[in-house]
């Protein structure tokens, strides 16, 4: 069986975030990443001027056309979407996924709706992409997903509902009518939960809230969730695995005093 996974997300050369951390996790799990970048940066924008810039919409679309001509969409196990630089990139990605699903009905689509962070009150105040890009993700990609992995803010934005605890996260997630694995859900003052809800059942796992968490943890969790799901994990087993693996990597990075997720630390997250 083909083990390729198509990644549509950022390429950040000097930081372990976006498509680079996704590709690292997938490679260590025995999959073959096929990465079409939406942006090419030198480092994470949170560390200062990143260098580089957005991949032009026409170039991004042309790369996807090349994948289609190569037949990648008809043999891949999954598609993972992450950061997009424009609404047009989102629309192009959605059309690509629709074509892939028509040719390969078993392909698994994980949508990480990367668009912001902050107070999860359902407003757009925490967006770090253009609003039209975030709205395109909500309108075009969510409906194509087999699993969605928002943080609490992104879930609130997608649904227009505040996310303040696991109960409100569950309620908001169920409005999407898709399986949702939501991260960074407050559980008291010193704990954060990861909650999985599919409209019928839900489960969660919690960890201590840590200070100075490195960039890229959401990308890491989405990739881990995709691997676990493809290997057959569901429900509580999926929640527990991705939560524990992410915590190990975060703690290893903090102990190394790194601002990024260390590629070496990803060994702690390798599926058994």
Protein backbone atom coordinates (compact mmCIF):
# COMPACT_ATOMS: atom_id res chain seq x y z
CA UNK A 1 0.00 0.00 0.00
CA UNK A 2 1.28 3.48 -0.88
CA UNK A 3 2.53 5.38 2.18
CA UNK A 4 2.66 8.87 0.67
CA UNK A 5 0.98 11.83 2.37
CA UNK A 6 0.47 15.17 0.65
CA UNK A 7 1.19 18.21 2.83
CA UNK A 8 -0.19 21.63 1.90
CA UNK A 9 1.37 24.04 4.40
CA UNK A 10 4.26 26.38 5.15
CA UNK A 11 7.95 25.74 4.58
CA UNK A 12 10.04 27.45 7.27
CA UNK A 13 13.70 26.65 6.76
CA UNK A 14 15.17 27.58 10.13
CA UNK A 15 12.30 26.71 12.47
CA UNK A 16 10.71 23.35 13.26
CA UNK A 17 7.18 24.46 12.44
CA UNK A 18 4.62 24.02 9.70
CA UNK A 19 5.25 21.54 6.95
CA UNK A 20 8.79 20.81 8.08
CA UNK A 21 7.73 19.40 11.45
CA UNK A 22 4.83 17.59 9.75
CA UNK A 23 7.23 16.00 7.27
CA UNK A 24 9.63 15.00 10.06
CA UNK A 25 6.88 13.24 12.05
CA UNK A 26 5.50 11.49 8.97
CA UNK A 27 8.93 10.35 7.80
CA UNK A 28 9.80 8.92 11.23
CA UNK A 29 6.51 7.02 11.16
CA UNK A 30 7.37 5.41 7.83
CA UNK A 31 5.33 7.64 5.52
CA UNK A 32 6.58 9.60 2.51
CA UNK A 33 5.71 13.31 2.68
CA UNK A 34 4.98 15.18 -0.56
CA UNK A 35 5.07 18.83 0.50
CA UNK A 36 3.64 21.70 -1.52
CA UNK A 37 4.56 24.90 0.38
CA UNK A 38 2.21 27.84 0.75
CA UNK A 39 4.97 30.15 1.98
CA UNK A 40 8.77 29.97 2.09
CA UNK A 41 10.20 31.64 5.20
CA UNK A 42 13.63 31.61 6.75
CA UNK A 43 12.30 31.44 10.31
CA UNK A 44 9.09 31.64 12.31
CA UNK A 45 7.55 35.17 12.13
CA UNK A 46 7.21 35.12 15.93
CA UNK A 47 11.00 35.32 16.18
CA UNK A 48 11.27 38.44 14.00
CA UNK A 49 11.29 39.22 10.30
CA UNK A 50 11.03 35.76 8.69
CA UNK A 51 12.48 36.51 5.26
CA UNK A 52 11.03 34.97 2.15
CA UNK A 53 7.33 35.29 1.52
CA UNK A 54 4.16 33.74 0.21
CA UNK A 55 4.30 31.35 -2.71
CA UNK A 56 2.42 33.11 -5.53
CA UNK A 57 -1.08 31.73 -6.03
CA UNK A 58 -0.29 30.72 -9.60
CA UNK A 59 2.85 28.85 -8.54
CA UNK A 60 0.98 27.06 -5.75
CA UNK A 61 -1.78 26.06 -8.18
CA UNK A 62 0.78 24.94 -10.76
CA UNK A 63 2.50 22.69 -8.24
CA UNK A 64 -0.82 21.02 -7.41
CA UNK A 65 -1.48 20.59 -11.13
CA UNK A 66 1.88 18.83 -11.35
CA UNK A 67 0.91 16.47 -8.52
CA UNK A 68 -2.34 15.69 -10.31
CA UNK A 69 -0.49 14.97 -13.54
CA UNK A 70 1.85 12.72 -11.56
CA UNK A 71 -1.09 10.78 -10.12
CA UNK A 72 -0.13 11.56 -6.52
CA UNK A 73 -3.73 12.27 -5.57
CA UNK A 74 -4.95 8.85 -6.67
CA UNK A 75 -2.44 6.84 -4.61
CA UNK A 76 -1.77 8.92 -1.47
CA UNK A 77 -2.98 7.71 1.92
CA UNK A 78 -3.84 11.18 3.15
CA UNK A 79 -3.77 14.93 2.66
CA UNK A 80 -2.74 17.25 5.51
CA UNK A 81 -3.54 20.95 5.19
CA UNK A 82 -2.08 23.63 7.43
CA UNK A 83 -1.02 27.23 6.88
CA UNK A 84 -2.22 29.15 3.82
CA UNK A 85 -1.12 32.60 2.71
CA UNK A 86 -4.26 33.58 0.78
CA UNK A 87 -7.89 32.74 0.24
CA UNK A 88 -7.05 31.76 -3.34
CA UNK A 89 -4.59 29.14 -2.08
CA UNK A 90 -7.38 27.74 0.13
CA UNK A 91 -9.79 27.55 -2.79
CA UNK A 92 -7.14 25.86 -4.94
CA UNK A 93 -6.42 23.37 -2.16
CA UNK A 94 -10.13 22.61 -1.78
CA UNK A 95 -10.47 21.92 -5.51
CA UNK A 96 -7.42 19.64 -5.34
CA UNK A 97 -8.91 17.71 -2.41
CA UNK A 98 -12.23 17.32 -4.23
CA UNK A 99 -10.39 15.88 -7.24
CA UNK A 100 -8.38 13.58 -4.99
CA UNK A 101 -11.49 12.30 -3.21
CA UNK A 102 -13.19 11.59 -6.53
CA UNK A 103 -10.22 9.54 -7.73
CA UNK A 104 -9.37 8.01 -4.36
CA UNK A 105 -12.42 7.76 -2.06
CA UNK A 106 -10.36 6.23 0.76
CA UNK A 107 -7.95 9.14 1.03
CA UNK A 108 -7.98 10.64 4.54
CA UNK A 109 -8.10 14.42 4.84
CA UNK A 110 -6.89 16.18 7.98
CA UNK A 111 -7.52 19.92 8.07
CA UNK A 112 -5.49 21.89 10.59
CA UNK A 113 -7.33 25.25 10.28
CA UNK A 114 -4.32 27.42 11.11
CA UNK A 115 -5.53 30.98 11.35
CA UNK A 116 -4.95 32.41 14.83
CA UNK A 117 -4.54 32.14 18.56
CA UNK A 118 -5.65 34.08 21.58
CA UNK A 119 -8.76 34.50 23.68
CA UNK A 120 -11.25 31.91 22.42
CA UNK A 121 -14.31 34.15 22.40
CA UNK A 122 -15.40 33.52 18.81
CA UNK A 123 -14.22 36.90 17.47
CA UNK A 124 -11.53 37.52 14.86
CA UNK A 125 -9.27 39.50 17.22
CA UNK A 126 -6.68 36.73 17.39
CA UNK A 127 -6.34 36.09 13.66
CA UNK A 128 -2.81 36.12 12.25
CA UNK A 129 -3.91 35.49 8.67
CA UNK A 130 -6.14 37.73 6.61
CA UNK A 131 -9.77 37.39 7.58
CA UNK A 132 -10.72 36.34 4.03
CA UNK A 133 -8.19 33.48 4.27
CA UNK A 134 -9.64 32.29 7.58
CA UNK A 135 -13.17 32.54 6.21
CA UNK A 136 -12.16 30.51 3.15
CA UNK A 137 -10.79 27.77 5.41
CA UNK A 138 -14.10 27.71 7.27
CA UNK A 139 -16.20 27.73 4.11
CA UNK A 140 -14.22 25.42 1.83
CA UNK A 141 -11.93 23.10 3.78
CA UNK A 142 -13.87 22.13 6.91
CA UNK A 143 -16.56 20.38 4.88
CA UNK A 144 -13.92 18.23 3.14
CA UNK A 145 -12.18 17.07 6.32
CA UNK A 146 -12.22 13.64 7.91
CA UNK A 147 -10.62 15.19 11.00
CA UNK A 148 -10.18 18.84 12.02
CA UNK A 149 -7.51 19.89 14.53
CA UNK A 150 -8.13 23.50 15.66
CA UNK A 151 -6.83 25.13 18.79
CA UNK A 152 -9.43 26.63 21.12
CA UNK A 153 -9.34 30.02 19.42
CA UNK A 154 -9.67 28.51 15.94
CA UNK A 155 -12.62 26.38 17.04
CA UNK A 156 -14.30 29.48 18.45
CA UNK A 157 -13.68 31.35 15.20
CA UNK A 158 -14.98 28.50 13.04
CA UNK A 159 -18.16 28.14 15.06
CA UNK A 160 -18.78 31.61 16.46
CA UNK A 161 -19.01 30.09 19.95
CA UNK A 162 -16.75 30.85 22.92
CA UNK A 163 -14.54 28.01 24.10
CA UNK A 164 -13.79 28.34 27.80
CA UNK A 165 -13.66 24.71 29.00
CA UNK A 166 -14.18 21.14 27.77
CA UNK A 167 -17.98 21.43 27.91
CA UNK A 168 -18.08 24.53 25.70
CA UNK A 169 -15.43 23.01 23.40
CA UNK A 170 -17.54 19.89 22.99
CA UNK A 171 -20.64 21.95 22.25
CA UNK A 172 -18.82 24.08 19.68
CA UNK A 173 -17.14 21.09 18.02
CA UNK A 174 -20.43 19.27 17.58
CA UNK A 175 -21.79 22.12 15.46
CA UNK A 176 -19.21 21.36 12.77
CA UNK A 177 -20.68 17.88 12.14
CA UNK A 178 -17.16 16.51 11.65
CA UNK A 179 -14.71 14.75 13.97
CA UNK A 180 -12.77 17.48 15.79
CA UNK A 181 -9.61 17.18 17.87
CA UNK A 182 -9.35 20.54 19.64
CA UNK A 183 -6.26 21.60 21.55
CA UNK A 184 -5.39 24.16 24.22
CA UNK A 185 -8.78 23.91 25.93
CA UNK A 186 -8.64 25.50 29.41
CA UNK A 187 -9.21 23.05 32.24
CA UNK A 188 -8.96 25.11 35.38
CA UNK A 189 -6.18 27.63 35.80
CA UNK A 190 -3.16 25.38 35.37
CA UNK A 191 -4.23 22.61 32.99
CA UNK A 192 -4.94 22.38 29.25
CA UNK A 193 -6.99 19.66 27.59
CA UNK A 194 -7.10 18.00 24.20
CA UNK A 195 -10.67 17.01 23.38
CA UNK A 196 -11.95 14.70 20.64
CA UNK A 197 -15.61 15.04 19.65
CA UNK A 198 -17.41 13.45 16.72
CA UNK A 199 -21.00 14.50 17.35
CA UNK A 200 -21.92 11.34 19.24
CA UNK A 201 -19.13 10.71 21.71
CA UNK A 202 -16.26 12.67 23.17
CA UNK A 203 -13.13 12.09 25.24
CA UNK A 204 -10.25 14.19 26.49
CA UNK A 205 -6.78 14.17 28.01
CA UNK A 206 -5.13 16.96 29.99
CA UNK A 207 -1.62 18.16 30.76
CA UNK A 208 -0.06 20.87 32.91
CA UNK A 209 0.01 24.35 31.39
CA UNK A 210 3.66 25.19 30.62
CA UNK A 211 5.32 28.56 30.06
CA UNK A 212 7.53 29.33 27.07
CA UNK A 213 6.14 26.54 24.90
CA UNK A 214 8.00 26.50 21.55
CA UNK A 215 6.41 27.32 18.22
CA UNK A 216 5.07 24.43 16.16
CA UNK A 217 3.23 22.39 18.77
CA UNK A 218 -0.04 22.59 16.84
CA UNK A 219 1.69 21.36 13.69
CA UNK A 220 3.26 18.56 15.69
CA UNK A 221 -0.06 17.49 17.20
CA UNK A 222 -1.84 17.48 13.84
CA UNK A 223 0.83 15.28 12.27
CA UNK A 224 0.83 12.92 15.26
CA UNK A 225 -2.95 12.72 15.11
CA UNK A 226 -2.85 11.88 11.41
CA UNK A 227 -0.30 9.10 11.93
CA UNK A 228 -2.25 7.68 14.87
CA UNK A 229 -5.51 7.79 12.93
CA UNK A 230 -3.99 6.07 9.89
CA UNK A 231 -2.58 3.39 12.18
CA UNK A 232 -6.04 2.73 13.61
CA UNK A 233 -6.18 4.78 16.82
CA UNK A 234 -9.52 6.36 17.67
CA UNK A 235 -11.28 7.75 20.72
CA UNK A 236 -9.43 7.85 24.02
CA UNK A 237 -6.40 6.04 22.60
CA UNK A 238 -5.97 8.81 20.02
CA UNK A 239 -6.40 11.56 22.63
CA UNK A 240 -3.96 9.97 25.05
CA UNK A 241 -1.31 9.25 22.42
CA UNK A 242 -1.11 12.72 20.86
CA UNK A 243 -1.35 14.51 24.21
CA UNK A 244 1.38 12.47 25.88
CA UNK A 245 3.66 12.57 22.83
CA UNK A 246 3.35 16.35 22.47
CA UNK A 247 4.05 16.87 26.16
CA UNK A 248 7.23 14.78 25.93
CA UNK A 249 8.51 16.77 22.96
CA UNK A 250 7.63 20.11 24.57
CA UNK A 251 9.37 19.21 27.81
CA UNK A 252 12.43 17.95 25.93
CA UNK A 253 12.60 21.21 23.98
CA UNK A 254 12.20 23.32 27.12
CA UNK A 255 14.93 21.38 28.88
CA UNK A 256 17.19 22.08 25.91
CA UNK A 257 16.22 25.77 26.16
CA UNK A 258 15.12 25.71 22.54
CA UNK A 259 12.63 28.15 21.03
CA UNK A 260 11.76 25.53 18.44
CA UNK A 261 10.70 21.93 18.52
CA UNK A 262 13.94 19.99 18.22
CA UNK A 263 14.05 17.41 15.47
CA UNK A 264 15.94 15.15 17.85
CA UNK A 265 13.18 15.53 20.41
CA UNK A 266 10.71 14.16 17.86
CA UNK A 267 12.11 10.76 18.65
CA UNK A 268 10.08 11.00 21.85
CA UNK A 269 6.94 11.23 19.73
CA UNK A 270 7.60 8.40 17.31
CA UNK A 271 4.62 6.01 17.25
CA UNK A 272 5.38 2.55 18.54
